[in-house]
Amino acid sequence: MPPVLHIWRIMTKKRPSIGGQALIEGVFMRAPEGAAAAVRRADGTIVAKNMNYLVPAKRTGILSKPIFRGAISLIDTMKMGFSALNWSAEAAETSEASEEGKESEGKKTAKIGMWLANIGAVALAMLLFAWLPLRLASWIVSGLGNVSGGMEQFYIHIVAGTFRIFAFVLYIMAISLMPDIRRVFMYHGSEHQVIHAWEDGSDDLAHDAAKESPLHARCGTSFLMYVMIVTILCYTIIDSLVYLATGVSPAAHWRVLYHLPLIPLVMGISYEVLKTADKHLDSSAFARGLSKPGLWLQRLTTKPATPEMLEVAETAAKMALGFDLPANVEIAEEKTG
């Protein structure tokens, strides 16, 4: 174990926190001072990459304060996650030509296609999870008859929020039928299982992770559930204020327009709820109850991992923490950005 981590454990009696995400045939892990990704290639070998250069500098001032830190942390996490995901897509399909530094036209076209797919996905998400729920909710609530302005906004967001959650669950269930996505969900489970083993004090992470749960309270899926719930509360208040100021219930497209700049606020509040609930899981029944919806949703986005997947997750975790890796793990060339 690196001396710094050894001293840390002696002084605090607590291991540094780690987190991560599933990749294509691999896992990305982040520790307080490091980050790394590991992928298993088709030939069975594991390739790992040090991604410490992605770890942002420690935030100070207002950006380190509650609410603000959550929005900034999510942006940092997304940037690191996209970078790791792009690398895993290349590493998992590396051919002899690419190992020699040659990139085919097919791969260049694939990258362009990936960017176009991401843009299309964002546009579709805006339609399905922003405008359409609000439009349908406004139509349904208007059919209820005389409803006061403030309560009308509340009903609209309750209906819209329920629609979002229902649509998201159906979407996850649909894509989980795809074999490749199921493997990503298994790698998602491997990430959580290895984190549990690390938090339980294990030094043989891959072995001990096999008996751990693929669910974890501090997960991005749980965060999304909090976001969908906090959205209902925040946007109800905002839209009620707009109604009081204008005397008119805003149309769906106007709601989307002024809701978008408020997304960092929603993310920041959701982040604080997630962190607070995770911190008090052992001591508070309320915190455990608060975590239940997210853990339930994780049953759709995580699956128990195979021993081979756990080995990949262990490799990423140990590299992020600064441990030495076995000689059979290939170390990818490091970059500075």
C-alpha atoms as a PDB file:
ATOM      1  CA  MET A   1       0.000   0.000   0.000  1.00  0.00           C
ATOM      2  CA  PRO A   2       1.351   3.495  -0.829  1.00  0.00           C
ATOM      3  CA  PRO A   3       2.713   5.280   2.287  1.00  0.00           C
ATOM      4  CA  VAL A   4       0.275   8.198   1.985  1.00  0.00           C
ATOM      5  CA  LEU A   5      -2.739   5.881   2.004  1.00  0.00           C
ATOM      6  CA  HIS A   6      -1.259   3.845   4.865  1.00  0.00           C
ATOM      7  CA  ILE A   7      -0.819   6.988   6.991  1.00  0.00           C
ATOM      8  CA  TRP A   8      -4.315   8.170   5.990  1.00  0.00           C
ATOM      9  CA  ARG A   9      -5.859   4.914   7.245  1.00  0.00           C
ATOM     10  CA  ILE A  10      -3.926   5.034  10.535  1.00  0.00           C
ATOM     11  CA  MET A  11      -4.891   8.639  11.252  1.00  0.00           C
ATOM     12  CA  THR A  12      -8.518   8.579  10.136  1.00  0.00           C
ATOM     13  CA  LYS A  13      -9.310   4.867  10.481  1.00  0.00           C
ATOM     14  CA  LYS A  14     -11.252   5.354   7.282  1.00  0.00           C
ATOM     15  CA  ARG A  15     -10.362   4.593   3.724  1.00  0.00           C
ATOM     16  CA  PRO A  16     -10.510   7.295   1.064  1.00  0.00           C
ATOM     17  CA  SER A  17     -13.820   7.306  -0.775  1.00  0.00           C
ATOM     18  CA  ILE A  18     -13.930   6.035  -4.347  1.00  0.00           C
ATOM     19  CA  GLY A  19     -16.605   6.144  -7.031  1.00  0.00           C
ATOM     20  CA  GLY A  20     -16.894   5.461 -10.712  1.00  0.00           C
ATOM     21  CA  GLN A  21     -18.960   4.400 -13.671  1.00  0.00           C
ATOM     22  CA  ALA A  22     -19.309   1.532 -16.098  1.00  0.00           C
ATOM     23  CA  LEU A  23     -17.580   1.717 -19.462  1.00  0.00           C
ATOM     24  CA  ILE A  24     -17.601  -0.386 -22.610  1.00  0.00           C
ATOM     25  CA  GLU A  25     -16.143  -3.686 -21.350  1.00  0.00           C
ATOM     26  CA  GLY A  26     -14.623  -1.856 -18.405  1.00  0.00           C
ATOM     27  CA  VAL A  27     -14.851   0.455 -15.414  1.00  0.00           C
ATOM     28  CA  PHE A  28     -13.725   3.992 -14.581  1.00  0.00           C
ATOM     29  CA  MET A  29     -12.800   4.745 -10.970  1.00  0.00           C
ATOM     30  CA  ARG A  30     -12.025   7.995  -9.216  1.00  0.00           C
ATOM     31  CA  ALA A  31     -10.294   8.467  -5.848  1.00  0.00           C
ATOM     32  CA  PRO A  32      -9.682  11.759  -4.009  1.00  0.00           C
ATOM     33  CA  GLU A  33      -6.301  12.229  -5.675  1.00  0.00           C
ATOM     34  CA  GLY A  34      -6.483  10.034  -8.769  1.00  0.00           C
ATOM     35  CA  ALA A  35      -8.540   8.475 -11.540  1.00  0.00           C
ATOM     36  CA  ALA A  36      -8.114   5.450 -13.781  1.00  0.00           C
ATOM     37  CA  ALA A  37      -9.962   3.241 -16.247  1.00  0.00           C
ATOM     38  CA  ALA A  38      -9.551  -0.440 -17.031  1.00  0.00           C
ATOM     39  CA  VAL A  39     -10.926  -2.468 -19.932  1.00  0.00           C
ATOM     40  CA  ARG A  40     -10.849  -6.149 -20.831  1.00  0.00           C
ATOM     41  CA  ARG A  41     -10.064  -6.738 -24.466  1.00  0.00           C
ATOM     42  CA  ALA A  42     -11.526  -9.502 -26.592  1.00  0.00           C
ATOM     43  CA  ASP A  43      -8.343 -11.570 -26.142  1.00  0.00           C
ATOM     44  CA  GLY A  44      -8.836 -11.527 -22.363  1.00  0.00           C
ATOM     45  CA  THR A  45      -6.070  -9.093 -21.462  1.00  0.00           C
ATOM     46  CA  ILE A  46      -6.731  -6.126 -19.179  1.00  0.00           C
ATOM     47  CA  VAL A  47      -5.487  -2.703 -20.230  1.00  0.00           C
ATOM     48  CA  ALA A  48      -5.521   0.139 -17.700  1.00  0.00           C
ATOM     49  CA  LYS A  49      -4.996   3.857 -18.130  1.00  0.00           C
ATOM     50  CA  ASN A  50      -3.948   6.442 -15.570  1.00  0.00           C
ATOM     51  CA  MET A  51      -6.360   9.374 -15.875  1.00  0.00           C
ATOM     52  CA  ASN A  52      -5.090  11.549 -13.044  1.00  0.00           C
ATOM     53  CA  TYR A  53      -4.893  14.435 -15.500  1.00  0.00           C
ATOM     54  CA  LEU A  54      -8.698  14.516 -15.523  1.00  0.00           C
ATOM     55  CA  VAL A  55      -9.002  15.144 -11.777  1.00  0.00           C
ATOM     56  CA  PRO A  56      -9.897  18.820 -11.276  1.00  0.00           C
ATOM     57  CA  ALA A  57      -8.116  21.064  -8.806  1.00  0.00           C
ATOM     58  CA  LYS A  58      -9.716  21.379  -5.398  1.00  0.00           C
ATOM     59  CA  ARG A  59     -12.521  23.915  -5.479  1.00  0.00           C
ATOM     60  CA  THR A  60     -12.416  26.917  -3.154  1.00  0.00           C
ATOM     61  CA  GLY A  61     -14.643  29.895  -2.428  1.00  0.00           C
ATOM     62  CA  ILE A  62     -18.257  29.819  -3.484  1.00  0.00           C
ATOM     63  CA  LEU A  63     -17.735  26.788  -5.737  1.00  0.00           C
ATOM     64  CA  SER A  64     -16.969  24.693  -2.654  1.00  0.00           C
ATOM     65  CA  LYS A  65     -20.196  25.683  -0.894  1.00  0.00           C
ATOM     66  CA  PRO A  66     -23.378  23.556  -0.730  1.00  0.00           C
ATOM     67  CA  ILE A  67     -25.512  23.567  -3.894  1.00  0.00           C
ATOM     68  CA  PHE A  68     -22.701  25.114  -5.985  1.00  0.00           C
ATOM     69  CA  ARG A  69     -20.337  22.208  -5.304  1.00  0.00           C
ATOM     70  CA  GLY A  70     -22.956  19.720  -6.460  1.00  0.00           C
ATOM     71  CA  ALA A  71     -23.458  21.325  -9.871  1.00  0.00           C
ATOM     72  CA  ILE A  72     -19.695  21.713 -10.396  1.00  0.00           C
ATOM     73  CA  SER A  73     -19.037  18.157  -9.242  1.00  0.00           C
ATOM     74  CA  LEU A  74     -21.574  16.765 -11.710  1.00  0.00           C
ATOM     75  CA  ILE A  75     -20.045  18.732 -14.595  1.00  0.00           C
ATOM     76  CA  ASP A  76     -16.576  17.446 -13.653  1.00  0.00           C
ATOM     77  CA  THR A  77     -17.899  13.897 -13.387  1.00  0.00           C
ATOM     78  CA  MET A  78     -19.549  14.091 -16.802  1.00  0.00           C
ATOM     79  CA  LYS A  79     -16.347  15.403 -18.419  1.00  0.00           C
ATOM     80  CA  MET A  80     -14.271  12.623 -16.873  1.00  0.00           C
ATOM     81  CA  GLY A  81     -16.890  10.018 -17.719  1.00  0.00           C
ATOM     82  CA  PHE A  82     -17.103  10.984 -21.392  1.00  0.00           C
ATOM     83  CA  SER A  83     -13.318  10.951 -21.710  1.00  0.00           C
ATOM     84  CA  ALA A  84     -13.092   7.521 -20.073  1.00  0.00           C
ATOM     85  CA  LEU A  85     -15.982   6.192 -22.175  1.00  0.00           C
ATOM     86  CA  ASN A  86     -14.355   7.309 -25.428  1.00  0.00           C
ATOM     87  CA  TRP A  87     -11.076   5.684 -24.419  1.00  0.00           C
ATOM     88  CA  SER A  88     -12.813   2.424 -23.445  1.00  0.00           C
ATOM     89  CA  ALA A  89     -14.544   2.235 -26.831  1.00  0.00           C
ATOM     90  CA  GLU A  90     -11.150   2.411 -28.537  1.00  0.00           C
ATOM     91  CA  ALA A  91      -9.308   0.176 -26.080  1.00  0.00           C
ATOM     92  CA  ALA A  92     -11.907  -2.603 -26.141  1.00  0.00           C
ATOM     93  CA  GLU A  93     -11.682  -2.869 -29.931  1.00  0.00           C
ATOM     94  CA  THR A  94      -7.960  -2.239 -30.416  1.00  0.00           C
ATOM     95  CA  SER A  95      -6.537  -3.970 -33.462  1.00  0.00           C
ATOM     96  CA  GLU A  96      -2.911  -4.482 -34.411  1.00  0.00           C
ATOM     97  CA  ALA A  97      -3.083  -1.441 -36.670  1.00  0.00           C
ATOM     98  CA  SER A  98      -4.346   0.802 -33.916  1.00  0.00           C
ATOM     99  CA  GLU A  99      -1.661  -0.484 -31.569  1.00  0.00           C
ATOM    100  CA  GLU A 100       0.870   0.829 -34.047  1.00  0.00           C
ATOM    101  CA  GLY A 101      -0.786   4.233 -33.861  1.00  0.00           C
ATOM    102  CA  LYS A 102      -2.830   3.970 -37.065  1.00  0.00           C
ATOM    103  CA  GLU A 103      -6.478   4.958 -37.040  1.00  0.00           C
ATOM    104  CA  SER A 104      -8.735   3.738 -39.822  1.00  0.00           C
ATOM    105  CA  GLU A 105     -11.298   5.830 -41.638  1.00  0.00           C
ATOM    106  CA  GLY A 106     -13.916   3.564 -40.144  1.00  0.00           C
ATOM    107  CA  LYS A 107     -12.969   4.653 -36.635  1.00  0.00           C
ATOM    108  CA  LYS A 108     -13.004   8.310 -37.605  1.00  0.00           C
ATOM    109  CA  THR A 109     -16.469   7.837 -39.065  1.00  0.00           C
ATOM    110  CA  ALA A 110     -17.535   6.027 -35.909  1.00  0.00           C
ATOM    111  CA  LYS A 111     -16.389   8.957 -33.766  1.00  0.00           C
ATOM    112  CA  ILE A 112     -18.388  11.394 -35.903  1.00  0.00           C
ATOM    113  CA  GLY A 113     -21.356   9.074 -35.654  1.00  0.00           C
ATOM    114  CA  MET A 114     -20.979   8.961 -31.867  1.00  0.00           C
ATOM    115  CA  TRP A 115     -21.048  12.749 -31.623  1.00  0.00           C
ATOM    116  CA  LEU A 116     -24.100  12.959 -33.878  1.00  0.00           C
ATOM    117  CA  ALA A 117     -25.777  10.254 -31.810  1.00  0.00           C
ATOM    118  CA  ASN A 118     -25.060  12.224 -28.622  1.00  0.00           C
ATOM    119  CA  ILE A 119     -26.577  15.387 -30.103  1.00  0.00           C
ATOM    120  CA  GLY A 120     -29.622  13.445 -31.246  1.00  0.00           C
ATOM    121  CA  ALA A 121     -29.947  11.831 -27.809  1.00  0.00           C
ATOM    122  CA  VAL A 122     -29.904  15.233 -26.087  1.00  0.00           C
ATOM    123  CA  ALA A 123     -32.569  16.574 -28.447  1.00  0.00           C
ATOM    124  CA  LEU A 124     -34.714  13.479 -27.936  1.00  0.00           C
ATOM    125  CA  ALA A 125     -34.284  13.689 -24.166  1.00  0.00           C
ATOM    126  CA  MET A 126     -35.388  17.326 -24.233  1.00  0.00           C
ATOM    127  CA  LEU A 127     -38.502  16.332 -26.142  1.00  0.00           C
ATOM    128  CA  LEU A 128     -39.414  13.241 -24.114  1.00  0.00           C
ATOM    129  CA  PHE A 129     -38.366  14.329 -20.630  1.00  0.00           C
ATOM    130  CA  ALA A 130     -38.908  18.111 -20.707  1.00  0.00           C
ATOM    131  CA  TRP A 131     -41.481  19.390 -23.189  1.00  0.00           C
ATOM    132  CA  LEU A 132     -43.750  16.346 -23.626  1.00  0.00           C
ATOM    133  CA  PRO A 133     -44.330  15.654 -19.890  1.00  0.00           C
ATOM    134  CA  LEU A 134     -45.196  19.301 -19.274  1.00  0.00           C
ATOM    135  CA  ARG A 135     -47.471  19.453 -22.326  1.00  0.00           C
ATOM    136  CA  LEU A 136     -49.352  16.309 -21.341  1.00  0.00           C
ATOM    137  CA  ALA A 137     -49.562  17.375 -17.695  1.00  0.00           C
ATOM    138  CA  SER A 138     -50.980  20.790 -18.631  1.00  0.00           C
ATOM    139  CA  TRP A 139     -53.590  19.123 -20.820  1.00  0.00           C
ATOM    140  CA  ILE A 140     -54.577  16.638 -18.090  1.00  0.00           C
ATOM    141  CA  VAL A 141     -54.734  19.229 -15.294  1.00  0.00           C
ATOM    142  CA  SER A 142     -56.750  21.635 -17.449  1.00  0.00           C
ATOM    143  CA  GLY A 143     -59.373  18.910 -17.738  1.00  0.00           C
ATOM    144  CA  LEU A 144     -59.815  18.786 -13.962  1.00  0.00           C
ATOM    145  CA  GLY A 145     -61.851  21.980 -13.983  1.00  0.00           C
ATOM    146  CA  ASN A 146     -61.322  24.915 -11.634  1.00  0.00           C
ATOM    147  CA  VAL A 147     -57.940  24.540  -9.953  1.00  0.00           C
ATOM    148  CA  SER A 148     -56.265  27.485  -8.218  1.00  0.00           C
ATOM    149  CA  GLY A 149     -53.056  28.834  -9.725  1.00  0.00           C
ATOM    150  CA  GLY A 150     -50.626  27.535  -7.101  1.00  0.00           C
ATOM    151  CA  MET A 151     -52.235  24.106  -6.894  1.00  0.00           C
ATOM    152  CA  GLU A 152     -52.421  23.957 -10.686  1.00  0.00           C
ATOM    153  CA  GLN A 153     -48.635  24.278 -10.891  1.00  0.00           C
ATOM    154  CA  PHE A 154     -48.217  21.584  -8.244  1.00  0.00           C
ATOM    155  CA  TYR A 155     -50.561  19.179 -10.046  1.00  0.00           C
ATOM    156  CA  ILE A 156     -48.843  19.850 -13.359  1.00  0.00           C
ATOM    157  CA  HIS A 157     -45.416  18.960 -11.946  1.00  0.00           C
ATOM    158  CA  ILE A 158     -46.704  15.927 -10.045  1.00  0.00           C
ATOM    159  CA  VAL A 159     -48.152  14.556 -13.287  1.00  0.00           C
ATOM    160  CA  ALA A 160     -45.100  15.553 -15.346  1.00  0.00           C
ATOM    161  CA  GLY A 161     -42.724  14.080 -12.747  1.00  0.00           C
ATOM    162  CA  THR A 162     -44.656  10.818 -12.635  1.00  0.00           C
ATOM    163  CA  PHE A 163     -44.549  10.665 -16.425  1.00  0.00           C
ATOM    164  CA  ARG A 164     -40.758  11.227 -16.438  1.00  0.00           C
ATOM    165  CA  ILE A 165     -40.125   8.480 -13.909  1.00  0.00           C
ATOM    166  CA  PHE A 166     -42.434   6.074 -15.739  1.00  0.00           C
ATOM    167  CA  ALA A 167     -40.833   6.877 -19.112  1.00  0.00           C
ATOM    168  CA  PHE A 168     -37.318   6.516 -17.687  1.00  0.00           C
ATOM    169  CA  VAL A 169     -38.112   3.120 -16.177  1.00  0.00           C
ATOM    170  CA  LEU A 170     -39.594   1.902 -19.462  1.00  0.00           C
ATOM    171  CA  TYR A 171     -36.532   3.186 -21.332  1.00  0.00           C
ATOM    172  CA  ILE A 172     -34.135   1.354 -18.992  1.00  0.00           C
ATOM    173  CA  MET A 173     -36.185  -1.836 -19.213  1.00  0.00           C
ATOM    174  CA  ALA A 174     -36.192  -1.638 -23.013  1.00  0.00           C
ATOM    175  CA  ILE A 175     -32.447  -1.094 -23.465  1.00  0.00           C
ATOM    176  CA  SER A 176     -31.650  -3.773 -20.866  1.00  0.00           C
ATOM    177  CA  LEU A 177     -32.912  -6.306 -23.402  1.00  0.00           C
ATOM    178  CA  MET A 178     -29.865  -5.535 -25.559  1.00  0.00           C
ATOM    179  CA  PRO A 179     -26.958  -7.922 -24.784  1.00  0.00           C
ATOM    180  CA  ASP A 180     -24.321  -5.176 -24.973  1.00  0.00           C
ATOM    181  CA  ILE A 181     -26.251  -2.970 -22.552  1.00  0.00           C
ATOM    182  CA  ARG A 182     -26.714  -5.870 -20.152  1.00  0.00           C
ATOM    183  CA  ARG A 183     -22.935  -6.240 -20.067  1.00  0.00           C
ATOM    184  CA  VAL A 184     -22.578  -2.538 -19.295  1.00  0.00           C
ATOM    185  CA  PHE A 185     -25.061  -3.017 -16.431  1.00  0.00           C
ATOM    186  CA  MET A 186     -22.959  -5.941 -15.176  1.00  0.00           C
ATOM    187  CA  TYR A 187     -19.853  -3.748 -15.233  1.00  0.00           C
ATOM    188  CA  HIS A 188     -21.915  -1.150 -13.360  1.00  0.00           C
ATOM    189  CA  GLY A 189     -22.567  -3.837 -10.764  1.00  0.00           C
ATOM    190  CA  SER A 190     -18.865  -4.731 -10.636  1.00  0.00           C
ATOM    191  CA  GLU A 191     -18.030  -1.104  -9.857  1.00  0.00           C
ATOM    192  CA  HIS A 192     -20.402  -1.097  -6.876  1.00  0.00           C
ATOM    193  CA  GLN A 193     -19.325  -4.525  -5.640  1.00  0.00           C
ATOM    194  CA  VAL A 194     -15.654  -3.542  -5.622  1.00  0.00           C
ATOM    195  CA  ILE A 195     -16.448  -0.235  -3.891  1.00  0.00           C
ATOM    196  CA  HIS A 196     -18.356  -2.142  -1.198  1.00  0.00           C
ATOM    197  CA  ALA A 197     -15.380  -4.488  -0.717  1.00  0.00           C
ATOM    198  CA  TRP A 198     -13.010  -1.509  -0.443  1.00  0.00           C
ATOM    199  CA  GLU A 199     -15.277   0.228   2.079  1.00  0.00           C
ATOM    200  CA  ASP A 200     -15.486  -3.018   4.089  1.00  0.00           C
ATOM    201  CA  GLY A 201     -11.684  -3.051   4.460  1.00  0.00           C
ATOM    202  CA  SER A 202     -10.805  -5.726   1.910  1.00  0.00           C
ATOM    203  CA  ASP A 203      -7.380  -5.858   0.292  1.00  0.00           C
ATOM    204  CA  ASP A 204      -8.419  -8.635  -2.124  1.00  0.00           C
ATOM    205  CA  LEU A 205     -11.102  -6.600  -3.839  1.00  0.00           C
ATOM    206  CA  ALA A 206     -12.042  -8.845  -6.767  1.00  0.00           C
ATOM    207  CA  HIS A 207     -12.360 -11.940  -4.559  1.00  0.00           C
ATOM    208  CA  ASP A 208     -14.285 -10.327  -1.708  1.00  0.00           C
ATOM    209  CA  ALA A 209     -16.494  -8.261  -4.044  1.00  0.00           C
ATOM    210  CA  ALA A 210     -18.166 -11.432  -5.297  1.00  0.00           C
ATOM    211  CA  LYS A 211     -20.324 -11.588  -2.162  1.00  0.00           C
ATOM    212  CA  GLU A 212     -21.199  -7.886  -2.200  1.00  0.00           C
ATOM    213  CA  SER A 213     -24.373  -6.266  -3.507  1.00  0.00           C
ATOM    214  CA  PRO A 214     -24.357  -4.577  -6.944  1.00  0.00           C
ATOM    215  CA  LEU A 215     -26.467  -1.773  -5.395  1.00  0.00           C
ATOM    216  CA  HIS A 216     -24.895   1.293  -3.792  1.00  0.00           C
ATOM    217  CA  ALA A 217     -26.579   4.330  -2.252  1.00  0.00           C
ATOM    218  CA  ARG A 218     -23.971   6.725  -3.677  1.00  0.00           C
ATOM    219  CA  CYS A 219     -24.768   5.977  -7.316  1.00  0.00           C
ATOM    220  CA  GLY A 220     -25.554   8.063 -10.383  1.00  0.00           C
ATOM    221  CA  THR A 221     -28.816   6.174 -10.858  1.00  0.00           C
ATOM    222  CA  SER A 222     -29.918   7.211  -7.364  1.00  0.00           C
ATOM    223  CA  PHE A 223     -28.843  10.749  -8.187  1.00  0.00           C
ATOM    224  CA  LEU A 224     -31.129  10.736 -11.238  1.00  0.00           C
ATOM    225  CA  MET A 225     -34.027   9.639  -9.058  1.00  0.00           C
ATOM    226  CA  TYR A 226     -33.343  12.502  -6.647  1.00  0.00           C
ATOM    227  CA  VAL A 227     -33.172  14.909  -9.600  1.00  0.00           C
ATOM    228  CA  MET A 228     -36.589  13.790 -10.845  1.00  0.00           C
ATOM    229  CA  ILE A 229     -38.094  14.267  -7.385  1.00  0.00           C
ATOM    230  CA  VAL A 230     -36.357  17.588  -6.627  1.00  0.00           C
ATOM    231  CA  THR A 231     -37.448  18.826 -10.069  1.00  0.00           C
ATOM    232  CA  ILE A 232     -41.088  18.499  -8.993  1.00  0.00           C
ATOM    233  CA  LEU A 233     -40.542  20.614  -5.878  1.00  0.00           C
ATOM    234  CA  CYS A 234     -38.275  23.273  -7.400  1.00  0.00           C
ATOM    235  CA  TYR A 235     -40.235  23.831 -10.589  1.00  0.00           C
ATOM    236  CA  THR A 236     -43.543  23.923  -8.717  1.00  0.00           C
ATOM    237  CA  ILE A 237     -42.221  26.846  -6.652  1.00  0.00           C
ATOM    238  CA  ILE A 238     -40.736  28.622  -9.692  1.00  0.00           C
ATOM    239  CA  ASP A 239     -43.852  28.209 -11.836  1.00  0.00           C
ATOM    240  CA  SER A 240     -46.079  29.352  -8.967  1.00  0.00           C
ATOM    241  CA  LEU A 241     -44.015  32.544  -8.712  1.00  0.00           C
ATOM    242  CA  VAL A 242     -44.311  33.044 -12.474  1.00  0.00           C
ATOM    243  CA  TYR A 243     -48.082  32.574 -12.218  1.00  0.00           C
ATOM    244  CA  LEU A 244     -48.302  35.095  -9.380  1.00  0.00           C
ATOM    245  CA  ALA A 245     -46.269  37.607 -11.387  1.00  0.00           C
ATOM    246  CA  THR A 246     -48.096  37.180 -14.705  1.00  0.00           C
ATOM    247  CA  GLY A 247     -51.504  35.760 -13.787  1.00  0.00           C
ATOM    248  CA  VAL A 248     -51.056  33.173 -16.544  1.00  0.00           C
ATOM    249  CA  SER A 249     -50.128  29.493 -16.365  1.00  0.00           C
ATOM    250  CA  PRO A 250     -47.057  29.242 -18.665  1.00  0.00           C
ATOM    251  CA  ALA A 251     -47.186  27.114 -21.808  1.00  0.00           C
ATOM    252  CA  ALA A 252     -44.948  24.018 -21.929  1.00  0.00           C
ATOM    253  CA  HIS A 253     -42.380  25.549 -24.306  1.00  0.00           C
ATOM    254  CA  TRP A 254     -41.982  28.646 -22.098  1.00  0.00           C
ATOM    255  CA  ARG A 255     -41.571  26.464 -19.022  1.00  0.00           C
ATOM    256  CA  VAL A 256     -38.780  24.501 -20.719  1.00  0.00           C
ATOM    257  CA  LEU A 257     -37.083  27.726 -21.785  1.00  0.00           C
ATOM    258  CA  TYR A 258     -36.722  29.173 -18.294  1.00  0.00           C
ATOM    259  CA  HIS A 259     -36.353  25.799 -16.561  1.00  0.00           C
ATOM    260  CA  LEU A 260     -33.129  25.011 -18.438  1.00  0.00           C
ATOM    261  CA  PRO A 261     -30.982  27.679 -16.694  1.00  0.00           C
ATOM    262  CA  LEU A 262     -32.231  26.306 -13.376  1.00  0.00           C
ATOM    263  CA  ILE A 263     -30.876  22.794 -13.996  1.00  0.00           C
ATOM    264  CA  PRO A 264     -27.631  23.509 -12.042  1.00  0.00           C
ATOM    265  CA  LEU A 265     -29.765  24.498  -9.037  1.00  0.00           C
ATOM    266  CA  VAL A 266     -31.745  21.256  -9.239  1.00  0.00           C
ATOM    267  CA  MET A 267     -28.539  19.240  -9.624  1.00  0.00           C
ATOM    268  CA  GLY A 268     -26.919  21.033  -6.699  1.00  0.00           C
ATOM    269  CA  ILE A 269     -29.849  20.365  -4.363  1.00  0.00           C
ATOM    270  CA  SER A 270     -30.054  16.719  -5.500  1.00  0.00           C
ATOM    271  CA  TYR A 271     -26.324  16.289  -4.864  1.00  0.00           C
ATOM    272  CA  GLU A 272     -26.675  17.574  -1.304  1.00  0.00           C
ATOM    273  CA  VAL A 273     -29.614  15.224  -0.659  1.00  0.00           C
ATOM    274  CA  LEU A 274     -27.611  12.266  -2.018  1.00  0.00           C
ATOM    275  CA  LYS A 275     -24.503  13.051   0.048  1.00  0.00           C
ATOM    276  CA  THR A 276     -26.481  13.721   3.222  1.00  0.00           C
ATOM    277  CA  ALA A 277     -28.510  10.521   2.904  1.00  0.00           C
ATOM    278  CA  ASP A 278     -25.367   8.455   2.232  1.00  0.00           C
ATOM    279  CA  LYS A 279     -23.582  10.006   5.227  1.00  0.00           C
ATOM    280  CA  HIS A 280     -26.368   9.042   7.647  1.00  0.00           C
ATOM    281  CA  LEU A 281     -27.388   5.632   6.267  1.00  0.00           C
ATOM    282  CA  ASP A 282     -26.126   3.773   9.329  1.00  0.00           C
ATOM    283  CA  SER A 283     -27.728   6.071  11.867  1.00  0.00           C
ATOM    284  CA  SER A 284     -30.958   7.341  10.315  1.00  0.00           C
ATOM    285  CA  ALA A 285     -34.042   5.401   9.258  1.00  0.00           C
ATOM    286  CA  PHE A 286     -35.154   8.512   7.366  1.00  0.00           C
ATOM    287  CA  ALA A 287     -31.915   8.485   5.322  1.00  0.00           C
ATOM    288  CA  ARG A 288     -32.372   4.799   4.541  1.00  0.00           C
ATOM    289  CA  GLY A 289     -35.956   5.455   3.457  1.00  0.00           C
ATOM    290  CA  LEU A 290     -34.784   8.361   1.320  1.00  0.00           C
ATOM    291  CA  SER A 291     -32.346   6.034  -0.435  1.00  0.00           C
ATOM    292  CA  LYS A 292     -34.925   3.342  -1.206  1.00  0.00           C
ATOM    293  CA  PRO A 293     -36.284   4.751  -4.519  1.00  0.00           C
ATOM    294  CA  GLY A 294     -32.780   5.110  -5.947  1.00  0.00           C
ATOM    295  CA  LEU A 295     -31.785   1.604  -4.841  1.00  0.00           C
ATOM    296  CA  TRP A 296     -34.969   0.220  -6.374  1.00  0.00           C
ATOM    297  CA  LEU A 297     -34.153   1.940  -9.664  1.00  0.00           C
ATOM    298  CA  GLN A 298     -30.634   0.488  -9.530  1.00  0.00           C
ATOM    299  CA  ARG A 299     -32.130  -2.996  -9.757  1.00  0.00           C
ATOM    300  CA  LEU A 300     -32.712  -2.114 -13.404  1.00  0.00           C
ATOM    301  CA  THR A 301     -29.298  -0.544 -14.099  1.00  0.00           C
ATOM    302  CA  THR A 302     -27.007  -2.971 -12.260  1.00  0.00           C
ATOM    303  CA  LYS A 303     -26.472  -6.718 -12.449  1.00  0.00           C
ATOM    304  CA  PRO A 304     -24.163  -9.019 -10.442  1.00  0.00           C
ATOM    305  CA  ALA A 305     -20.781  -9.175 -12.161  1.00  0.00           C
ATOM    306  CA  THR A 306     -18.669 -12.125 -13.230  1.00  0.00           C
ATOM    307  CA  PRO A 307     -15.247 -12.731 -11.583  1.00  0.00           C
ATOM    308  CA  GLU A 308     -13.576 -11.428 -14.750  1.00  0.00           C
ATOM    309  CA  MET A 309     -15.528  -8.168 -14.550  1.00  0.00           C
ATOM    310  CA  LEU A 310     -14.696  -7.776 -10.864  1.00  0.00           C
ATOM    311  CA  GLU A 311     -11.022  -8.142 -11.737  1.00  0.00           C
ATOM    312  CA  VAL A 312     -11.330  -5.247 -14.199  1.00  0.00           C
ATOM    313  CA  ALA A 313     -13.082  -3.062 -11.613  1.00  0.00           C
ATOM    314  CA  GLU A 314     -10.408  -3.927  -9.033  1.00  0.00           C
ATOM    315  CA  THR A 315      -7.690  -2.908 -11.499  1.00  0.00           C
ATOM    316  CA  ALA A 316      -9.295   0.493 -12.098  1.00  0.00           C
ATOM    317  CA  ALA A 317      -9.838   1.066  -8.367  1.00  0.00           C
ATOM    318  CA  LYS A 318      -6.280   0.163  -7.377  1.00  0.00           C
ATOM    319  CA  MET A 319      -4.753   2.289 -10.121  1.00  0.00           C
ATOM    320  CA  ALA A 320      -6.880   5.285  -9.102  1.00  0.00           C
ATOM    321  CA  LEU A 321      -5.782   4.782  -5.489  1.00  0.00           C
ATOM    322  CA  GLY A 322      -2.116   4.577  -6.446  1.00  0.00           C
ATOM    323  CA  PHE A 323      -1.509   0.877  -5.875  1.00  0.00           C
ATOM    324  CA  ASP A 324       0.919  -1.142  -7.985  1.00  0.00           C
ATOM    325  CA  LEU A 325      -0.776  -3.370 -10.559  1.00  0.00           C
ATOM    326  CA  PRO A 326       0.015  -6.996 -11.490  1.00  0.00           C
ATOM    327  CA  ALA A 327       2.560  -7.537 -14.265  1.00  0.00           C
ATOM    328  CA  ASN A 328      -0.101  -9.066 -16.540  1.00  0.00           C
ATOM    329  CA  VAL A 329      -2.024  -5.766 -16.734  1.00  0.00           C
ATOM    330  CA  GLU A 330      -1.089  -3.686 -19.753  1.00  0.00           C
ATOM    331  CA  ILE A 331      -0.627   0.004 -19.022  1.00  0.00           C
ATOM    332  CA  ALA A 332      -1.923   2.287 -21.742  1.00  0.00           C
ATOM    333  CA  GLU A 333       0.143   5.250 -22.859  1.00  0.00           C
ATOM    334  CA  GLU A 334      -0.528   8.266 -20.658  1.00  0.00           C
ATOM    335  CA  LYS A 335      -1.482  11.655 -21.986  1.00  0.00           C
ATOM    336  CA  THR A 336      -1.405  15.029 -20.328  1.00  0.00           C
ATOM    337  CA  GLY A 337      -4.877  16.097 -21.440  1.00  0.00           C
END
